[in-house]
Amino acid sequence: MSKIIDYLNAHQSETPSHWREEAEWRRANRDWLRYSQFIAIRMLSRMDELHMTQASLAQKMECSQQYVSKVLKGKENLSLETIAKIESALDLDLVNSALTYVSEYPSFEPEQRGVAEPPVEYGKK
């Protein structure tokens, strides 16, 4: 047992893990993160259809490629201005489709749905 602990101590990371803080942040922000993730997925699909790169989308949106990359990770709290630029650049209606998606998104909170009821996959009823 001592050899295992010695091995683990020798190989542990010197930088502390922030998994708890990150998990708490995701939970605290899960409402708008659902929208952000949905928008990122729609953007990626549309960019694929149009064979568009992040750089060309950034040019159409008049922002940096780095910002487009952040948005595509689905963790960016988007302003209405940014959403409008995305809609215009990709010819999408994100607001209406995101509202529909999130309103149909299953809740995983036991107090909001029956505990015995399994989660419903989006798009299947």
N, C-alpha and C. Protein backbone atom coordinates (compact mmCIF):
# COMPACT_ATOMS: atom_id res chain seq x y z
N MET A 1 0.82 -1.19 0.00
CA MET A 1 0.00 0.00 0.00
C MET A 1 0.87 1.26 0.00
N SER A 2 1.96 1.21 0.73
CA SER A 2 2.86 2.34 0.83
C SER A 2 3.48 2.68 -0.52
N LYS A 3 3.77 1.64 -1.32
CA LYS A 3 4.35 1.88 -2.65
C LYS A 3 3.37 2.64 -3.54
N ILE A 4 2.10 2.30 -3.43
CA ILE A 4 1.07 2.98 -4.25
C ILE A 4 0.97 4.44 -3.85
N ILE A 5 0.92 4.71 -2.58
CA ILE A 5 0.82 6.09 -2.11
C ILE A 5 2.06 6.88 -2.51
N ASP A 6 3.23 6.26 -2.37
CA ASP A 6 4.47 6.93 -2.79
C ASP A 6 4.43 7.25 -4.28
N TYR A 7 3.95 6.29 -5.08
CA TYR A 7 3.84 6.50 -6.53
C TYR A 7 2.88 7.64 -6.84
N LEU A 8 1.71 7.63 -6.18
CA LEU A 8 0.72 8.69 -6.42
C LEU A 8 1.26 10.06 -6.01
N ASN A 9 1.92 10.12 -4.88
CA ASN A 9 2.50 11.39 -4.43
C ASN A 9 3.57 11.89 -5.39
N ALA A 10 4.36 10.97 -5.94
CA ALA A 10 5.41 11.36 -6.87
C ALA A 10 4.85 11.85 -8.20
N HIS A 11 3.65 11.40 -8.56
CA HIS A 11 3.09 11.74 -9.87
C HIS A 11 1.91 12.71 -9.82
N GLN A 12 1.63 13.25 -8.67
CA GLN A 12 0.50 14.19 -8.60
C GLN A 12 0.88 15.52 -9.24
N SER A 13 -0.10 16.18 -9.76
CA SER A 13 0.11 17.46 -10.43
C SER A 13 0.49 18.53 -9.41
N GLU A 14 1.38 19.41 -9.81
CA GLU A 14 1.77 20.50 -8.92
C GLU A 14 0.75 21.63 -8.93
N THR A 15 -0.06 21.70 -9.99
CA THR A 15 -1.10 22.72 -10.04
C THR A 15 -2.39 22.13 -9.50
N PRO A 16 -3.09 22.88 -8.66
CA PRO A 16 -4.32 22.34 -8.08
C PRO A 16 -5.42 22.19 -9.12
N SER A 17 -6.28 21.22 -8.91
CA SER A 17 -7.41 20.99 -9.80
C SER A 17 -8.54 21.95 -9.43
N HIS A 18 -9.24 22.42 -10.43
CA HIS A 18 -10.36 23.34 -10.21
C HIS A 18 -11.68 22.70 -10.64
N TRP A 19 -11.74 21.38 -10.63
CA TRP A 19 -12.93 20.70 -11.14
C TRP A 19 -14.18 21.10 -10.35
N ARG A 20 -14.06 21.24 -9.04
CA ARG A 20 -15.23 21.58 -8.24
C ARG A 20 -15.77 22.97 -8.60
N GLU A 21 -14.86 23.94 -8.70
CA GLU A 21 -15.28 25.30 -9.05
C GLU A 21 -15.91 25.32 -10.44
N GLU A 22 -15.31 24.59 -11.38
CA GLU A 22 -15.84 24.55 -12.74
C GLU A 22 -17.22 23.89 -12.76
N ALA A 23 -17.39 22.82 -12.01
CA ALA A 23 -18.71 22.15 -11.95
C ALA A 23 -19.75 23.05 -11.31
N GLU A 24 -19.37 23.77 -10.26
CA GLU A 24 -20.31 24.70 -9.61
C GLU A 24 -20.67 25.84 -10.56
N TRP A 25 -19.68 26.32 -11.33
CA TRP A 25 -19.94 27.39 -12.29
C TRP A 25 -20.92 26.92 -13.36
N ARG A 26 -20.70 25.68 -13.89
CA ARG A 26 -21.61 25.14 -14.91
C ARG A 26 -23.03 25.01 -14.36
N ARG A 27 -23.15 24.55 -13.12
CA ARG A 27 -24.47 24.40 -12.51
C ARG A 27 -25.14 25.76 -12.31
N ALA A 28 -24.39 26.74 -11.84
CA ALA A 28 -24.94 28.07 -11.60
C ALA A 28 -25.35 28.76 -12.90
N ASN A 29 -24.70 28.41 -14.01
CA ASN A 29 -24.95 29.09 -15.29
C ASN A 29 -25.62 28.18 -16.32
N ARG A 30 -26.16 27.07 -15.88
CA ARG A 30 -26.67 26.08 -16.83
C ARG A 30 -27.80 26.60 -17.71
N ASP A 31 -28.59 27.55 -17.23
CA ASP A 31 -29.71 28.05 -18.04
C ASP A 31 -29.22 28.71 -19.32
N TRP A 32 -28.29 29.66 -19.21
CA TRP A 32 -27.82 30.32 -20.43
C TRP A 32 -26.80 29.45 -21.17
N LEU A 33 -26.13 28.54 -20.48
CA LEU A 33 -25.19 27.64 -21.17
C LEU A 33 -25.93 26.75 -22.16
N ARG A 34 -27.16 26.36 -21.86
CA ARG A 34 -27.94 25.54 -22.80
C ARG A 34 -28.13 26.29 -24.12
N TYR A 35 -28.45 27.58 -24.01
CA TYR A 35 -28.59 28.39 -25.22
C TYR A 35 -27.26 28.49 -25.96
N SER A 36 -26.21 28.77 -25.23
CA SER A 36 -24.89 28.94 -25.85
C SER A 36 -24.44 27.67 -26.56
N GLN A 37 -24.65 26.54 -25.94
CA GLN A 37 -24.26 25.26 -26.55
C GLN A 37 -25.11 24.97 -27.78
N PHE A 38 -26.40 25.24 -27.69
CA PHE A 38 -27.27 25.04 -28.84
C PHE A 38 -26.82 25.92 -30.01
N ILE A 39 -26.54 27.18 -29.74
CA ILE A 39 -26.11 28.11 -30.79
C ILE A 39 -24.79 27.63 -31.39
N ALA A 40 -23.86 27.18 -30.57
CA ALA A 40 -22.57 26.69 -31.08
C ALA A 40 -22.77 25.49 -32.01
N ILE A 41 -23.64 24.58 -31.64
CA ILE A 41 -23.90 23.41 -32.49
C ILE A 41 -24.52 23.83 -33.81
N ARG A 42 -25.50 24.74 -33.75
CA ARG A 42 -26.13 25.23 -34.99
C ARG A 42 -25.11 25.94 -35.87
N MET A 43 -24.24 26.72 -35.26
CA MET A 43 -23.21 27.42 -36.03
C MET A 43 -22.28 26.44 -36.72
N LEU A 44 -21.82 25.44 -35.97
CA LEU A 44 -20.91 24.45 -36.56
C LEU A 44 -21.56 23.70 -37.71
N SER A 45 -22.82 23.34 -37.56
CA SER A 45 -23.53 22.64 -38.63
C SER A 45 -23.64 23.51 -39.87
N ARG A 46 -24.01 24.76 -39.65
CA ARG A 46 -24.19 25.67 -40.78
C ARG A 46 -22.84 25.99 -41.45
N MET A 47 -21.81 26.16 -40.65
CA MET A 47 -20.48 26.41 -41.21
C MET A 47 -20.03 25.22 -42.05
N ASP A 48 -20.35 24.02 -41.59
CA ASP A 48 -20.01 22.82 -42.35
C ASP A 48 -20.77 22.79 -43.68
N GLU A 49 -22.06 23.12 -43.64
CA GLU A 49 -22.87 23.17 -44.87
C GLU A 49 -22.29 24.16 -45.88
N LEU A 50 -21.85 25.30 -45.38
CA LEU A 50 -21.34 26.37 -46.24
C LEU A 50 -19.85 26.24 -46.53
N HIS A 51 -19.20 25.21 -45.97
CA HIS A 51 -17.74 25.04 -46.09
C HIS A 51 -17.02 26.32 -45.67
N MET A 52 -17.46 26.86 -44.53
CA MET A 52 -16.94 28.13 -44.04
C MET A 52 -15.96 27.89 -42.89
N THR A 53 -14.88 28.61 -42.92
CA THR A 53 -13.89 28.51 -41.84
C THR A 53 -14.22 29.52 -40.74
N GLN A 54 -13.58 29.32 -39.60
CA GLN A 54 -13.75 30.29 -38.52
C GLN A 54 -13.26 31.67 -38.94
N ALA A 55 -12.19 31.70 -39.69
CA ALA A 55 -11.63 32.98 -40.14
C ALA A 55 -12.60 33.72 -41.06
N SER A 56 -13.24 32.99 -41.98
CA SER A 56 -14.18 33.67 -42.89
C SER A 56 -15.45 34.10 -42.14
N LEU A 57 -15.87 33.32 -41.16
CA LEU A 57 -17.02 33.74 -40.35
C LEU A 57 -16.65 34.98 -39.54
N ALA A 58 -15.47 35.00 -38.98
CA ALA A 58 -15.02 36.16 -38.21
C ALA A 58 -15.00 37.42 -39.08
N GLN A 59 -14.57 37.25 -40.31
CA GLN A 59 -14.54 38.39 -41.22
C GLN A 59 -15.96 38.90 -41.47
N LYS A 60 -16.91 37.99 -41.70
CA LYS A 60 -18.30 38.40 -41.93
C LYS A 60 -18.92 39.04 -40.69
N MET A 61 -18.52 38.56 -39.51
CA MET A 61 -19.06 39.10 -38.26
C MET A 61 -18.30 40.32 -37.77
N GLU A 62 -17.18 40.64 -38.43
CA GLU A 62 -16.32 41.76 -38.05
C GLU A 62 -15.81 41.60 -36.61
N CYS A 63 -15.27 40.42 -36.36
CA CYS A 63 -14.65 40.14 -35.06
C CYS A 63 -13.42 39.27 -35.31
N SER A 64 -12.75 38.88 -34.27
CA SER A 64 -11.54 38.06 -34.43
C SER A 64 -11.90 36.58 -34.56
N GLN A 65 -11.00 35.84 -35.18
CA GLN A 65 -11.16 34.40 -35.28
C GLN A 65 -11.13 33.77 -33.89
N GLN A 66 -10.35 34.36 -32.99
CA GLN A 66 -10.27 33.85 -31.63
C GLN A 66 -11.62 33.94 -30.92
N TYR A 67 -12.35 35.04 -31.17
CA TYR A 67 -13.68 35.18 -30.55
C TYR A 67 -14.64 34.14 -31.12
N VAL A 68 -14.60 33.91 -32.41
CA VAL A 68 -15.45 32.88 -33.03
C VAL A 68 -15.14 31.53 -32.40
N SER A 69 -13.87 31.24 -32.18
CA SER A 69 -13.47 29.99 -31.55
C SER A 69 -14.07 29.86 -30.16
N LYS A 70 -14.05 30.95 -29.38
CA LYS A 70 -14.66 30.94 -28.04
C LYS A 70 -16.15 30.66 -28.11
N VAL A 71 -16.84 31.30 -29.06
CA VAL A 71 -18.28 31.11 -29.21
C VAL A 71 -18.59 29.66 -29.56
N LEU A 72 -17.78 29.07 -30.43
CA LEU A 72 -18.01 27.70 -30.89
C LEU A 72 -17.77 26.66 -29.80
N LYS A 73 -17.17 27.05 -28.69
CA LYS A 73 -16.99 26.13 -27.57
C LYS A 73 -18.28 25.99 -26.76
N GLY A 74 -19.24 26.89 -26.98
CA GLY A 74 -20.53 26.79 -26.31
C GLY A 74 -20.52 27.24 -24.86
N LYS A 75 -19.56 28.06 -24.49
CA LYS A 75 -19.48 28.52 -23.11
C LYS A 75 -19.45 30.05 -23.02
N GLU A 76 -19.82 30.71 -24.10
CA GLU A 76 -19.76 32.16 -24.16
C GLU A 76 -21.15 32.74 -23.91
N ASN A 77 -21.24 33.73 -23.02
CA ASN A 77 -22.50 34.41 -22.75
C ASN A 77 -22.67 35.47 -23.83
N LEU A 78 -23.48 35.17 -24.82
CA LEU A 78 -23.58 35.98 -26.03
C LEU A 78 -24.53 37.16 -25.85
N SER A 79 -24.13 38.30 -26.40
CA SER A 79 -25.01 39.47 -26.41
C SER A 79 -25.98 39.35 -27.58
N LEU A 80 -27.03 40.13 -27.53
CA LEU A 80 -27.98 40.15 -28.65
C LEU A 80 -27.30 40.64 -29.92
N GLU A 81 -26.37 41.56 -29.78
CA GLU A 81 -25.63 42.05 -30.94
C GLU A 81 -24.84 40.91 -31.60
N THR A 82 -24.17 40.11 -30.79
CA THR A 82 -23.39 39.00 -31.33
C THR A 82 -24.30 37.97 -31.98
N ILE A 83 -25.42 37.65 -31.35
CA ILE A 83 -26.37 36.69 -31.93
C ILE A 83 -26.88 37.20 -33.27
N ALA A 84 -27.18 38.50 -33.35
CA ALA A 84 -27.65 39.08 -34.61
C ALA A 84 -26.57 38.98 -35.69
N LYS A 85 -25.32 39.20 -35.33
CA LYS A 85 -24.22 39.08 -36.30
C LYS A 85 -24.08 37.64 -36.79
N ILE A 86 -24.22 36.69 -35.87
CA ILE A 86 -24.13 35.27 -36.24
C ILE A 86 -25.27 34.92 -37.19
N GLU A 87 -26.48 35.35 -36.84
CA GLU A 87 -27.65 35.07 -37.69
C GLU A 87 -27.45 35.64 -39.09
N SER A 88 -26.95 36.85 -39.17
CA SER A 88 -26.74 37.49 -40.47
C SER A 88 -25.63 36.80 -41.27
N ALA A 89 -24.54 36.49 -40.61
CA ALA A 89 -23.39 35.88 -41.31
C ALA A 89 -23.70 34.48 -41.80
N LEU A 90 -24.52 33.73 -41.05
CA LEU A 90 -24.79 32.33 -41.41
C LEU A 90 -26.21 32.12 -41.95
N ASP A 91 -26.98 33.18 -42.06
CA ASP A 91 -28.36 33.10 -42.53
C ASP A 91 -29.14 32.07 -41.70
N LEU A 92 -29.15 32.29 -40.39
CA LEU A 92 -29.85 31.42 -39.45
C LEU A 92 -30.84 32.22 -38.62
N ASP A 93 -31.85 31.56 -38.09
CA ASP A 93 -32.76 32.15 -37.12
C ASP A 93 -32.49 31.46 -35.79
N LEU A 94 -31.52 31.97 -35.08
CA LEU A 94 -31.09 31.33 -33.84
C LEU A 94 -32.03 31.59 -32.67
N VAL A 95 -32.57 32.78 -32.58
CA VAL A 95 -33.37 33.14 -31.41
C VAL A 95 -34.61 32.24 -31.30
N ASN A 96 -35.39 32.17 -32.37
CA ASN A 96 -36.60 31.34 -32.32
C ASN A 96 -36.29 29.86 -32.15
N SER A 97 -35.29 29.37 -32.86
CA SER A 97 -34.98 27.94 -32.76
C SER A 97 -34.36 27.61 -31.40
N ALA A 98 -33.58 28.51 -30.82
CA ALA A 98 -33.00 28.27 -29.49
C ALA A 98 -34.08 28.27 -28.42
N LEU A 99 -35.03 29.18 -28.53
CA LEU A 99 -36.12 29.22 -27.55
C LEU A 99 -36.94 27.94 -27.61
N THR A 100 -37.20 27.45 -28.81
CA THR A 100 -37.95 26.21 -28.97
C THR A 100 -37.16 25.04 -28.39
N TYR A 101 -35.89 24.97 -28.71
CA TYR A 101 -35.04 23.88 -28.23
C TYR A 101 -34.99 23.85 -26.71
N VAL A 102 -34.69 24.99 -26.10
CA VAL A 102 -34.52 25.01 -24.66
C VAL A 102 -35.84 24.78 -23.94
N SER A 103 -36.95 25.22 -24.51
CA SER A 103 -38.24 24.97 -23.85
C SER A 103 -38.60 23.49 -23.89
N GLU A 104 -38.08 22.74 -24.86
CA GLU A 104 -38.33 21.31 -24.95
C GLU A 104 -37.24 20.49 -24.27
N TYR A 105 -36.18 21.15 -23.81
CA TYR A 105 -35.05 20.47 -23.20
C TYR A 105 -35.50 19.81 -21.90
N PRO A 106 -35.20 18.53 -21.72
CA PRO A 106 -35.66 17.86 -20.50
C PRO A 106 -34.94 18.38 -19.27
N SER A 107 -35.67 18.48 -18.19
CA SER A 107 -35.09 18.88 -16.93
C SER A 107 -34.56 17.64 -16.23
N PHE A 108 -33.42 17.76 -15.60
CA PHE A 108 -32.85 16.62 -14.90
C PHE A 108 -32.94 16.81 -13.39
N GLU A 109 -33.70 17.80 -12.96
CA GLU A 109 -33.89 18.02 -11.53
C GLU A 109 -35.01 17.11 -11.05
N PRO A 110 -34.77 16.24 -10.04
CA PRO A 110 -35.80 15.31 -9.57
C PRO A 110 -37.07 16.01 -9.10
N GLU A 111 -36.95 17.20 -8.52
CA GLU A 111 -38.14 17.88 -8.03
C GLU A 111 -38.99 18.46 -9.17
N GLN A 112 -38.42 18.55 -10.39
CA GLN A 112 -39.16 19.10 -11.52
C GLN A 112 -39.77 18.03 -12.41
N ARG A 113 -39.43 16.78 -12.19
CA ARG A 113 -40.02 15.70 -12.97
C ARG A 113 -40.05 14.45 -12.11
N GLY A 114 -40.82 13.48 -12.48
CA GLY A 114 -40.92 12.26 -11.72
C GLY A 114 -39.57 11.56 -11.63
N VAL A 115 -39.21 11.10 -10.46
CA VAL A 115 -37.92 10.47 -10.26
C VAL A 115 -37.79 9.20 -11.10
N ALA A 116 -38.87 8.44 -11.24
CA ALA A 116 -38.81 7.19 -11.98
C ALA A 116 -38.82 7.41 -13.49
N GLU A 117 -39.18 8.60 -13.93
CA GLU A 117 -39.27 8.89 -15.35
C GLU A 117 -37.88 9.08 -15.95
N PRO A 118 -37.51 8.30 -16.98
CA PRO A 118 -36.19 8.46 -17.58
C PRO A 118 -36.13 9.75 -18.39
N PRO A 119 -34.94 10.34 -18.54
CA PRO A 119 -34.84 11.57 -19.34
C PRO A 119 -35.20 11.28 -20.80
N VAL A 120 -35.86 12.23 -21.44
CA VAL A 120 -36.27 12.10 -22.84
C VAL A 120 -35.20 12.72 -23.70
N GLU A 121 -34.75 12.02 -24.72
CA GLU A 121 -33.78 12.58 -25.64
C GLU A 121 -34.46 13.65 -26.48
N TYR A 122 -33.75 14.73 -26.74
CA TYR A 122 -34.31 15.82 -27.51
C TYR A 122 -34.75 15.31 -28.89
N GLY A 123 -35.92 15.70 -29.30
CA GLY A 123 -36.43 15.33 -30.62
C GLY A 123 -37.16 14.02 -30.66
N LYS A 124 -37.16 13.27 -29.57
CA LYS A 124 -37.88 11.99 -29.51
C LYS A 124 -38.95 12.08 -28.46
N LYS A 125 -40.15 11.67 -28.82
CA LYS A 125 -41.26 11.71 -27.86
C LYS A 125 -41.98 10.40 -27.84
